[in-house]
Structure formats: structure tokens, C-alpha cells
């Protein structure tokens, strides 16, 4: 989708992390007792290619930092 390779993982991560800061949460799923998963859709542009990317973030417990579970670009 974005024409990235293994050496571009840092660039991809930084693009996702920056975009998600201002994006609204679209879904919240309670996974008791395993925390909460939040869905966030972001628009990413990498290597002159843009796509909407659905991301899922896991919060293991109250106050814990989010962990990126998955990210799926939409062609």
C-alpha cells in the first residue's frame, strides 16, 4: 500500500503515532478482565501514498499506556 519495506518500520510507526494523537476514537470494546480495546481510524501519507488506516489500541488496565494491536490500510 505505502511502498515500504523492513527498513521503513520506524517511519511507519512514527506516522501512525503522530496521526492517532488527534484522531477520535471510533469504537471501544470492553475485554474484561483483559482491559479495553479502542478503534481509531487515521489518514496516513507515506512515500506520496495516502490511505485510511484502521488501528486498534489495547489498554491493559486503567492508567496503562496504549499498545498498538493492529493497523489495516484501506486501498
C-alpha atoms as a PDB file:
ATOM      1  CA  UNK A   1       0.000   0.000   0.000  1.00  0.00           C
ATOM      2  CA  UNK A   2       2.606   2.539   1.084  1.00  0.00           C
ATOM      3  CA  UNK A   3       5.573   1.021  -0.775  1.00  0.00           C
ATOM      4  CA  UNK A   4       7.539   0.488   2.450  1.00  0.00           C
ATOM      5  CA  UNK A   5       9.982  -2.251   3.349  1.00  0.00           C
ATOM      6  CA  UNK A   6      11.535  -3.652   6.522  1.00  0.00           C
ATOM      7  CA  UNK A   7      13.908  -0.685   6.777  1.00  0.00           C
ATOM      8  CA  UNK A   8      10.935   1.720   6.889  1.00  0.00           C
ATOM      9  CA  UNK A   9       9.339   0.376  10.077  1.00  0.00           C
ATOM     10  CA  UNK A  10      10.381   3.411  12.168  1.00  0.00           C
ATOM     11  CA  UNK A  11       8.930   5.835   9.614  1.00  0.00           C
ATOM     12  CA  UNK A  12       5.672   3.879   9.541  1.00  0.00           C
ATOM     13  CA  UNK A  13       5.437   3.733  13.344  1.00  0.00           C
ATOM     14  CA  UNK A  14       6.094   7.487  13.681  1.00  0.00           C
ATOM     15  CA  UNK A  15       3.406   8.273  11.082  1.00  0.00           C
ATOM     16  CA  UNK A  16       0.829   6.152  12.934  1.00  0.00           C
ATOM     17  CA  UNK A  17       1.794   7.519  16.360  1.00  0.00           C
ATOM     18  CA  UNK A  18       1.601  11.137  15.158  1.00  0.00           C
ATOM     19  CA  UNK A  19      -1.732  10.698  13.336  1.00  0.00           C
ATOM     20  CA  UNK A  20      -3.510   8.963  16.206  1.00  0.00           C
ATOM     21  CA  UNK A  21      -2.882  11.844  18.639  1.00  0.00           C
ATOM     22  CA  UNK A  22      -5.646  13.992  17.100  1.00  0.00           C
ATOM     23  CA  UNK A  23      -7.937  11.259  15.770  1.00  0.00           C
ATOM     24  CA  UNK A  24     -11.227  10.466  17.505  1.00  0.00           C
ATOM     25  CA  UNK A  25     -11.848   7.025  18.972  1.00  0.00           C
ATOM     26  CA  UNK A  26     -14.447   5.275  16.803  1.00  0.00           C
ATOM     27  CA  UNK A  27     -15.089   2.127  18.882  1.00  0.00           C
ATOM     28  CA  UNK A  28     -14.484   0.918  22.418  1.00  0.00           C
ATOM     29  CA  UNK A  29     -14.622  -2.779  23.315  1.00  0.00           C
ATOM     30  CA  UNK A  30     -14.513  -3.955  26.915  1.00  0.00           C
ATOM     31  CA  UNK A  31     -12.354  -7.084  27.155  1.00  0.00           C
ATOM     32  CA  UNK A  32     -12.754  -7.730  30.896  1.00  0.00           C
ATOM     33  CA  UNK A  33     -10.689  -8.878  32.623  1.00  0.00           C
ATOM     34  CA  UNK A  34      -8.151  -8.150  29.862  1.00  0.00           C
ATOM     35  CA  UNK A  35      -8.631  -4.390  29.540  1.00  0.00           C
ATOM     36  CA  UNK A  36     -10.133  -2.268  26.773  1.00  0.00           C
ATOM     37  CA  UNK A  37      -9.530  -2.088  23.014  1.00  0.00           C
ATOM     38  CA  UNK A  38     -10.157   1.207  21.199  1.00  0.00           C
ATOM     39  CA  UNK A  39     -10.530   1.561  17.437  1.00  0.00           C
ATOM     40  CA  UNK A  40      -9.120   4.689  15.789  1.00  0.00           C
ATOM     41  CA  UNK A  41      -9.168   5.465  12.052  1.00  0.00           C
ATOM     42  CA  UNK A  42      -6.360   7.707  10.768  1.00  0.00           C
ATOM     43  CA  UNK A  43      -5.343   9.112   7.394  1.00  0.00           C
ATOM     44  CA  UNK A  44      -1.668   8.372   6.647  1.00  0.00           C
ATOM     45  CA  UNK A  45       0.577   9.625   3.859  1.00  0.00           C
ATOM     46  CA  UNK A  46       3.879   7.821   3.349  1.00  0.00           C
ATOM     47  CA  UNK A  47       6.041   7.914   0.213  1.00  0.00           C
ATOM     48  CA  UNK A  48       3.456  10.101  -1.559  1.00  0.00           C
ATOM     49  CA  UNK A  49       0.722   7.497  -0.985  1.00  0.00           C
ATOM     50  CA  UNK A  50      -2.292   8.123   1.241  1.00  0.00           C
ATOM     51  CA  UNK A  51      -4.754   5.745   2.817  1.00  0.00           C
ATOM     52  CA  UNK A  52      -7.258   5.496   5.621  1.00  0.00           C
ATOM     53  CA  UNK A  53      -5.814   3.122   8.237  1.00  0.00           C
ATOM     54  CA  UNK A  54      -7.930   1.373  10.865  1.00  0.00           C
ATOM     55  CA  UNK A  55      -5.951   0.906  14.074  1.00  0.00           C
ATOM     56  CA  UNK A  56      -6.738  -0.913  17.315  1.00  0.00           C
ATOM     57  CA  UNK A  57      -5.160   0.044  20.641  1.00  0.00           C
ATOM     58  CA  UNK A  58      -5.143  -2.090  23.789  1.00  0.00           C
ATOM     59  CA  UNK A  59      -5.227  -0.632  27.305  1.00  0.00           C
ATOM     60  CA  UNK A  60      -4.424  -3.462  29.744  1.00  0.00           C
ATOM     61  CA  UNK A  61      -5.659  -1.561  32.799  1.00  0.00           C
ATOM     62  CA  UNK A  62      -6.549   1.932  33.989  1.00  0.00           C
ATOM     63  CA  UNK A  63      -3.554   4.232  33.591  1.00  0.00           C
ATOM     64  CA  UNK A  64      -1.563   1.835  31.420  1.00  0.00           C
ATOM     65  CA  UNK A  65      -0.076   3.122  28.152  1.00  0.00           C
ATOM     66  CA  UNK A  66      -1.790   2.038  24.928  1.00  0.00           C
ATOM     67  CA  UNK A  67      -0.317  -0.776  22.838  1.00  0.00           C
ATOM     68  CA  UNK A  68      -0.893  -0.900  19.077  1.00  0.00           C
ATOM     69  CA  UNK A  69      -2.630  -4.207  18.387  1.00  0.00           C
ATOM     70  CA  UNK A  70      -3.111  -3.906  14.629  1.00  0.00           C
ATOM     71  CA  UNK A  71      -3.280  -1.480  11.711  1.00  0.00           C
ATOM     72  CA  UNK A  72      -5.064  -2.156   8.418  1.00  0.00           C
ATOM     73  CA  UNK A  73      -4.798   0.233   5.438  1.00  0.00           C
ATOM     74  CA  UNK A  74      -7.757   0.593   3.119  1.00  0.00           C
ATOM     75  CA  UNK A  75      -6.743   0.617  -0.570  1.00  0.00           C
END
